[in-house]
Amino acid sequence: MNTTKSTGRSFKRSRPVVKKKQVFRVRNWSEYNRSLVNRGSLTIWCDERMLASWTHSQHTGRRGSSDFYSDSAILLALSLKAVYGQTLRGTQGLLRSVLDLMGMLELPVPDYSTLCRRAQRLEVPLEDVAARGAVHLVVDSTGCKVFGEGEWKVRQHGYSKRRTWRKMHLGIDAQSGQIKAAMMTTNGVADSEVLSNMLLQVAEPIGQLSGDGGYDKRTCYTALKEREQQQGRPLKVTIPPRHGARIWRHGNTEGERLARDQNLRRIREVGRSRWKEESNYHRRSLAETGMFRHKTIFGDELSARCFNSQATEVFVRCRVLNKMTQLGMPESYLVEQS
């Protein structure tokens, strides 16, 4: 027996409890594997209305020539650029080859300079699948590098002053994995500053919102309270108050209880870990999973140099990722270990 002598007494050393890592397995592996293969398919379905409106001659009344190509044509080209990792010049050649294989030689192809110019003001719909009920929205942000050194140079010699990145803010449905809201800002914008704008992008009622401590701001709770009143149904907020947080509105104060104060009181009663399990807060990690999928498929760098073009590049990637999610997602289950 291992003992430690101190003041004439012997104490038994307690061994640390090691928790076994949970193991998950995919139930629908064959269907999910087929969906992964279909992500690289070159099969393209073009609607007749889209082909009919490939080009237009609408006059805007402003100086200069009007747009020759429709937004759908530009969006198709930029989607191919995102999926196959092409440059703008390579995208022009790829789209030309696709139209040739489809027997549509009469359709003109936008050149790379047109794609670069139109990307600065293109509106990109996410085209997510509508949820059947209330949405459990998980929000988070990550960085996308614009220009800078690689990881090896940073590890060896450190950062330089020219290293620049953008912040991509995503709101993901925890049930389906669909991206419901997306925004891009500079690296100096906090997560709490864009939450109200992200809530406006979600058309379905929100049943629960989960975010990290960066959203523990009065502006966020005010925006969530307004959303709850607009949708006419309760909205559960699972944002952990920061360590050392205090009650904003005490129980003897007039007015209804704040959701943030209720979470803080429960944390003081049962602890932070127990509160996270009770409130289903751990589903927030699905936002990080969605961002990992985004960077794994499309990379963590932006090729555009204009801010508006960079935002369009991010939105096109989110739209394509929703299309890939609709092809099929894994259904995992927990393996019971003895």
Protein backbone atom coordinates (compact mmCIF):
# COMPACT_ATOMS: atom_id res chain seq x y z
CA MET A 1 0.00 0.00 0.00
CA ASN A 2 1.39 3.38 -0.95
CA THR A 3 1.29 5.72 2.02
CA THR A 4 2.58 9.19 2.76
CA LYS A 5 3.77 9.98 6.30
CA SER A 6 2.85 13.38 7.64
CA THR A 7 2.53 14.34 11.31
CA GLY A 8 2.53 10.71 12.31
CA ARG A 9 -0.49 9.78 10.21
CA SER A 10 -0.74 7.68 7.06
CA PHE A 11 -2.97 8.59 4.17
CA LYS A 12 -3.90 6.43 1.18
CA ARG A 13 -3.20 8.05 -2.15
CA SER A 14 -6.30 8.32 -4.28
CA ARG A 15 -5.89 7.28 -7.87
CA PRO A 16 -7.36 9.57 -10.50
CA VAL A 17 -10.53 8.30 -12.11
CA VAL A 18 -10.00 7.83 -15.85
CA LYS A 19 -13.16 8.09 -17.89
CA LYS A 20 -13.44 5.91 -20.93
CA LYS A 21 -13.77 7.74 -24.19
CA GLN A 22 -17.17 7.34 -25.78
CA VAL A 23 -17.20 5.41 -29.04
CA PHE A 24 -19.71 6.15 -31.79
CA ARG A 25 -20.47 4.13 -34.90
CA VAL A 26 -22.26 5.09 -38.09
CA ARG A 27 -25.54 3.27 -38.65
CA ASN A 28 -26.11 4.19 -42.32
CA TRP A 29 -22.57 3.84 -43.59
CA SER A 30 -23.51 2.59 -47.08
CA GLU A 31 -25.87 5.53 -47.74
CA TYR A 32 -23.42 8.03 -46.28
CA ASN A 33 -20.55 6.59 -48.30
CA ARG A 34 -22.65 6.95 -51.45
CA SER A 35 -23.35 10.59 -50.63
CA LEU A 36 -19.63 11.27 -50.21
CA VAL A 37 -19.01 9.85 -53.67
CA ASN A 38 -21.81 11.92 -55.19
CA ARG A 39 -20.23 15.12 -53.91
CA GLY A 40 -17.64 14.91 -56.67
CA SER A 41 -20.10 14.07 -59.42
CA LEU A 42 -20.01 16.24 -62.54
CA THR A 43 -23.70 15.66 -63.24
CA ILE A 44 -25.42 19.06 -63.43
CA TRP A 45 -29.15 19.62 -63.73
CA CYS A 46 -30.04 22.91 -65.41
CA ASP A 47 -33.60 24.16 -65.27
CA GLU A 48 -35.13 25.33 -68.55
CA ARG A 49 -35.99 28.67 -66.99
CA MET A 50 -32.40 29.11 -65.93
CA LEU A 51 -31.15 28.44 -69.44
CA ALA A 52 -33.72 30.80 -70.86
CA SER A 53 -32.57 33.55 -68.49
CA TRP A 54 -28.85 32.82 -68.86
CA THR A 55 -28.37 36.25 -70.35
CA HIS A 56 -30.57 39.34 -70.23
CA SER A 57 -30.49 42.90 -71.45
CA GLN A 58 -32.20 44.74 -68.63
CA HIS A 59 -31.27 48.39 -68.36
CA THR A 60 -30.58 49.69 -64.87
CA GLY A 61 -30.60 53.39 -65.78
CA ARG A 62 -27.10 53.85 -64.33
CA ARG A 63 -23.96 54.80 -66.17
CA GLY A 64 -22.17 52.05 -68.03
CA SER A 65 -23.40 48.91 -69.71
CA SER A 66 -25.94 46.64 -68.03
CA ASP A 67 -25.16 43.14 -66.79
CA PHE A 68 -25.12 40.68 -69.66
CA TYR A 69 -25.22 37.48 -67.55
CA SER A 70 -27.90 36.70 -64.99
CA ASP A 71 -27.15 36.13 -61.32
CA SER A 72 -27.93 32.42 -61.68
CA ALA A 73 -25.22 32.04 -64.34
CA ILE A 74 -22.64 33.79 -62.16
CA LEU A 75 -23.71 31.73 -59.14
CA LEU A 76 -23.31 28.48 -61.09
CA ALA A 77 -19.79 29.43 -62.13
CA LEU A 78 -18.75 30.42 -58.62
CA SER A 79 -20.25 27.20 -57.23
CA LEU A 80 -18.11 25.15 -59.61
CA LYS A 81 -15.10 27.20 -58.52
CA ALA A 82 -15.78 26.38 -54.87
CA VAL A 83 -16.45 22.65 -55.35
CA TYR A 84 -13.46 21.87 -57.58
CA GLY A 85 -11.02 24.43 -56.17
CA GLN A 86 -10.46 26.26 -59.43
CA THR A 87 -9.13 29.72 -60.10
CA LEU A 88 -11.31 32.23 -61.95
CA ARG A 89 -9.57 31.45 -65.24
CA GLY A 90 -9.84 27.73 -64.58
CA THR A 91 -13.53 28.16 -63.76
CA GLN A 92 -14.10 29.79 -67.13
CA GLY A 93 -12.56 26.79 -68.89
CA LEU A 94 -14.43 24.28 -66.73
CA LEU A 95 -17.80 25.90 -67.38
CA ARG A 96 -17.07 26.03 -71.10
CA SER A 97 -16.29 22.31 -71.11
CA VAL A 98 -19.45 21.47 -69.14
CA LEU A 99 -21.66 23.39 -71.56
CA ASP A 100 -19.93 21.72 -74.51
CA LEU A 101 -20.61 18.28 -73.03
CA MET A 102 -24.25 19.27 -72.56
CA GLY A 103 -24.50 20.29 -76.20
CA MET A 104 -25.09 23.97 -75.44
CA LEU A 105 -22.46 25.59 -77.60
CA GLU A 106 -24.67 28.60 -78.24
CA LEU A 107 -24.56 29.71 -74.60
CA PRO A 108 -21.79 32.24 -73.89
CA VAL A 109 -19.53 31.74 -70.89
CA PRO A 110 -18.66 34.61 -68.52
CA ASP A 111 -14.94 35.36 -68.55
CA TYR A 112 -12.84 35.54 -65.41
CA SER A 113 -12.91 39.33 -65.18
CA THR A 114 -16.71 39.30 -65.29
CA LEU A 115 -16.82 36.70 -62.50
CA CYS A 116 -14.45 38.79 -60.41
CA ARG A 117 -16.49 41.97 -60.90
CA ARG A 118 -19.94 40.41 -60.38
CA ALA A 119 -18.84 38.55 -57.24
CA GLN A 120 -18.57 41.87 -55.40
CA ARG A 121 -22.35 42.44 -55.45
CA LEU A 122 -23.88 38.99 -55.90
CA GLU A 123 -26.64 37.92 -53.52
CA VAL A 124 -26.22 34.26 -52.55
CA PRO A 125 -29.18 32.37 -51.00
CA LEU A 126 -28.20 29.54 -48.65
CA GLU A 127 -31.06 27.32 -49.91
CA ASP A 128 -31.32 25.26 -46.75
CA VAL A 129 -34.06 22.71 -46.16
CA ALA A 130 -36.86 24.05 -43.97
CA ALA A 131 -37.08 22.34 -40.59
CA ARG A 132 -40.29 20.58 -39.60
CA GLY A 133 -40.44 22.14 -36.15
CA ALA A 134 -38.49 24.55 -34.00
CA VAL A 135 -34.76 24.82 -34.66
CA HIS A 136 -32.00 24.26 -32.14
CA LEU A 137 -29.57 26.88 -33.45
CA VAL A 138 -25.90 26.55 -32.48
CA VAL A 139 -23.71 29.56 -33.24
CA ASP A 140 -19.97 30.09 -33.37
CA SER A 141 -17.26 31.77 -35.45
CA THR A 142 -13.92 30.86 -36.98
CA GLY A 143 -11.15 32.56 -38.92
CA CYS A 144 -10.44 32.38 -42.65
CA LYS A 145 -6.97 33.47 -43.72
CA VAL A 146 -6.69 36.11 -46.46
CA PHE A 147 -2.93 36.23 -46.77
CA GLY A 148 -0.03 35.34 -44.52
CA GLU A 149 2.56 32.71 -43.84
CA GLY A 150 2.08 28.99 -43.55
CA GLU A 151 2.00 27.12 -40.28
CA TRP A 152 5.62 25.96 -40.58
CA LYS A 153 6.96 29.50 -40.93
CA VAL A 154 4.83 30.70 -38.02
CA ARG A 155 6.08 27.90 -35.80
CA GLN A 156 9.72 28.53 -36.68
CA HIS A 157 9.87 32.33 -36.88
CA GLY A 158 6.58 33.65 -35.50
CA TYR A 159 3.88 35.84 -36.99
CA SER A 160 4.44 38.86 -39.17
CA LYS A 161 2.52 42.11 -39.34
CA ARG A 162 0.90 41.30 -42.69
CA ARG A 163 -0.99 38.24 -41.47
CA THR A 164 -4.70 39.01 -42.06
CA TRP A 165 -7.87 36.97 -41.72
CA ARG A 166 -11.66 37.31 -41.73
CA LYS A 167 -14.19 35.95 -39.27
CA MET A 168 -16.91 33.62 -40.52
CA HIS A 169 -19.99 33.46 -38.27
CA LEU A 170 -22.30 30.46 -38.72
CA GLY A 171 -25.63 29.43 -37.27
CA ILE A 172 -26.25 25.70 -37.77
CA ASP A 173 -29.31 23.56 -37.16
CA ALA A 174 -28.22 20.97 -34.61
CA GLN A 175 -30.69 18.41 -35.95
CA SER A 176 -30.02 18.49 -39.72
CA GLY A 177 -26.58 20.11 -39.89
CA GLN A 178 -27.87 22.75 -42.33
CA ILE A 179 -26.38 26.25 -42.21
CA LYS A 180 -29.25 28.58 -41.37
CA ALA A 181 -27.33 31.83 -41.03
CA ALA A 182 -23.93 33.02 -42.22
CA MET A 183 -22.03 36.27 -41.94
CA MET A 184 -18.48 37.43 -42.57
CA THR A 185 -16.77 40.28 -40.74
CA THR A 186 -13.30 41.59 -40.08
CA ASN A 187 -11.26 40.09 -37.30
CA GLY A 188 -12.05 42.98 -34.95
CA VAL A 189 -15.81 42.29 -34.73
CA ALA A 190 -16.98 40.34 -31.69
CA ASP A 191 -19.38 37.41 -31.96
CA SER A 192 -22.01 39.17 -29.87
CA GLU A 193 -22.21 42.08 -32.32
CA VAL A 194 -23.59 40.00 -35.20
CA LEU A 195 -26.03 37.72 -33.38
CA SER A 196 -29.05 39.96 -34.00
CA ASN A 197 -28.38 40.00 -37.76
CA MET A 198 -27.94 36.23 -37.80
CA LEU A 199 -31.29 35.72 -36.11
CA LEU A 200 -32.99 37.63 -38.94
CA GLN A 201 -31.76 35.03 -41.46
CA VAL A 202 -33.53 32.12 -39.74
CA ALA A 203 -37.06 31.77 -41.10
CA GLU A 204 -38.19 28.92 -38.83
CA PRO A 205 -39.04 29.41 -35.14
CA ILE A 206 -36.05 28.95 -32.85
CA GLY A 207 -36.66 26.64 -29.93
CA GLN A 208 -33.18 26.81 -28.42
CA LEU A 209 -29.99 28.75 -29.04
CA SER A 210 -26.63 27.54 -27.81
CA GLY A 211 -23.43 29.59 -27.87
CA ASP A 212 -20.23 29.94 -25.91
CA GLY A 213 -19.40 32.58 -23.32
CA GLY A 214 -18.62 35.16 -26.00
CA TYR A 215 -22.38 35.68 -26.44
CA ASP A 216 -22.92 36.48 -22.75
CA LYS A 217 -23.79 40.11 -23.51
CA ARG A 218 -26.85 42.21 -22.82
CA THR A 219 -27.26 42.95 -26.53
CA CYS A 220 -27.52 39.22 -27.28
CA TYR A 221 -30.16 38.59 -24.63
CA THR A 222 -32.11 41.62 -25.82
CA ALA A 223 -32.07 40.34 -29.41
CA LEU A 224 -33.14 36.86 -28.27
CA LYS A 225 -35.97 38.30 -26.19
CA GLU A 226 -37.23 40.27 -29.19
CA ARG A 227 -37.08 37.14 -31.34
CA GLU A 228 -39.06 35.22 -28.72
CA GLN A 229 -41.78 37.87 -28.77
CA GLN A 230 -41.89 37.91 -32.57
CA GLN A 231 -42.27 34.16 -33.00
CA GLY A 232 -44.78 33.89 -30.15
CA ARG A 233 -43.21 30.83 -28.51
CA PRO A 234 -40.57 30.35 -25.81
CA LEU A 235 -36.90 30.39 -26.77
CA LYS A 236 -34.50 28.53 -24.52
CA VAL A 237 -31.11 30.22 -24.17
CA THR A 238 -28.09 28.11 -23.21
CA ILE A 239 -25.21 30.56 -23.02
CA PRO A 240 -22.91 29.87 -20.05
CA PRO A 241 -22.27 32.99 -17.96
CA ARG A 242 -18.63 33.74 -17.53
CA HIS A 243 -16.78 32.73 -14.35
CA GLY A 244 -17.33 35.28 -11.64
CA ALA A 245 -20.58 36.50 -13.23
CA ARG A 246 -23.19 38.26 -11.13
CA ILE A 247 -26.97 38.37 -11.19
CA TRP A 248 -28.31 41.16 -13.39
CA ARG A 249 -31.83 41.29 -11.94
CA HIS A 250 -32.35 40.00 -8.42
CA GLY A 251 -35.45 38.11 -7.36
CA ASN A 252 -36.90 40.99 -5.31
CA THR A 253 -36.74 43.32 -8.33
CA GLU A 254 -39.86 44.05 -10.33
CA GLY A 255 -40.03 42.45 -13.74
CA GLU A 256 -39.72 38.92 -15.08
CA ARG A 257 -36.72 36.75 -14.45
CA LEU A 258 -33.91 36.92 -16.98
CA ALA A 259 -32.89 33.71 -18.77
CA ARG A 260 -29.26 34.48 -18.10
CA ASP A 261 -29.88 34.86 -14.34
CA GLN A 262 -31.83 31.59 -14.25
CA ASN A 263 -28.88 29.78 -15.85
CA LEU A 264 -26.48 31.38 -13.37
CA ARG A 265 -28.62 30.35 -10.40
CA ARG A 266 -28.80 26.77 -11.66
CA ILE A 267 -25.03 26.69 -12.17
CA ARG A 268 -24.52 27.78 -8.57
CA GLU A 269 -26.82 24.99 -7.40
CA VAL A 270 -25.57 21.99 -9.37
CA GLY A 271 -22.31 23.14 -10.95
CA ARG A 272 -21.35 24.10 -14.46
CA SER A 273 -20.82 20.56 -15.75
CA ARG A 274 -24.17 19.32 -14.51
CA TRP A 275 -25.91 22.39 -15.97
CA LYS A 276 -24.40 21.75 -19.39
CA GLU A 277 -25.78 18.22 -19.36
CA GLU A 278 -29.23 19.32 -18.21
CA SER A 279 -29.52 22.13 -20.75
CA ASN A 280 -28.17 20.05 -23.67
CA TYR A 281 -25.41 22.63 -24.09
CA HIS A 282 -22.93 20.13 -25.50
CA ARG A 283 -24.84 20.19 -28.79
CA ARG A 284 -23.04 23.50 -29.37
CA SER A 285 -20.00 21.50 -30.47
CA LEU A 286 -21.89 20.74 -33.70
CA ALA A 287 -21.12 24.30 -34.77
CA GLU A 288 -17.42 23.54 -34.49
CA THR A 289 -18.03 20.31 -36.42
CA GLY A 290 -19.72 22.27 -39.21
CA MET A 291 -16.81 24.67 -39.41
CA PHE A 292 -14.38 21.75 -39.50
CA ARG A 293 -16.30 20.29 -42.44
CA HIS A 294 -16.25 23.68 -44.15
CA LYS A 295 -12.47 24.01 -43.84
CA THR A 296 -11.80 20.38 -44.70
CA ILE A 297 -13.73 20.60 -47.98
CA PHE A 298 -12.92 24.15 -49.11
CA GLY A 299 -9.78 25.00 -47.13
CA ASP A 300 -9.15 27.73 -44.59
CA GLU A 301 -8.02 30.42 -47.05
CA LEU A 302 -9.90 32.95 -49.17
CA SER A 303 -8.71 33.59 -52.71
CA ALA A 304 -10.53 36.91 -53.22
CA ARG A 305 -8.91 40.17 -52.18
CA CYS A 306 -11.92 42.50 -52.10
CA PHE A 307 -14.00 42.31 -48.91
CA ASN A 308 -17.34 42.00 -50.76
CA SER A 309 -15.91 39.26 -52.97
CA GLN A 310 -14.61 37.46 -49.89
CA ALA A 311 -18.08 37.55 -48.35
CA THR A 312 -19.56 36.14 -51.57
CA GLU A 313 -16.93 33.39 -51.56
CA VAL A 314 -17.91 32.41 -48.01
CA PHE A 315 -21.64 32.42 -48.79
CA VAL A 316 -21.16 30.33 -51.92
CA ARG A 317 -19.22 27.77 -49.90
CA CYS A 318 -21.98 27.65 -47.28
CA ARG A 319 -24.59 27.18 -50.00
CA VAL A 320 -22.61 24.33 -51.57
CA LEU A 321 -22.08 22.75 -48.15
CA ASN A 322 -25.85 22.75 -47.61
CA LYS A 323 -26.26 20.97 -50.94
CA MET A 324 -23.70 18.36 -49.87
CA THR A 325 -25.46 17.93 -46.53
CA GLN A 326 -28.74 17.27 -48.32
CA LEU A 327 -27.14 14.37 -50.20
CA GLY A 328 -26.78 12.45 -46.95
CA MET A 329 -25.39 12.68 -43.44
CA PRO A 330 -24.14 9.99 -41.04
CA GLU A 331 -26.45 8.62 -38.36
CA SER A 332 -24.21 7.74 -35.43
CA TYR A 333 -25.06 5.91 -32.23
CA LEU A 334 -23.24 5.40 -28.96
CA VAL A 335 -21.57 2.04 -28.45
CA GLU A 336 -22.15 0.65 -24.94
CA GLN A 337 -18.91 -0.49 -23.37
CA SER A 338 -18.70 -2.95 -20.54
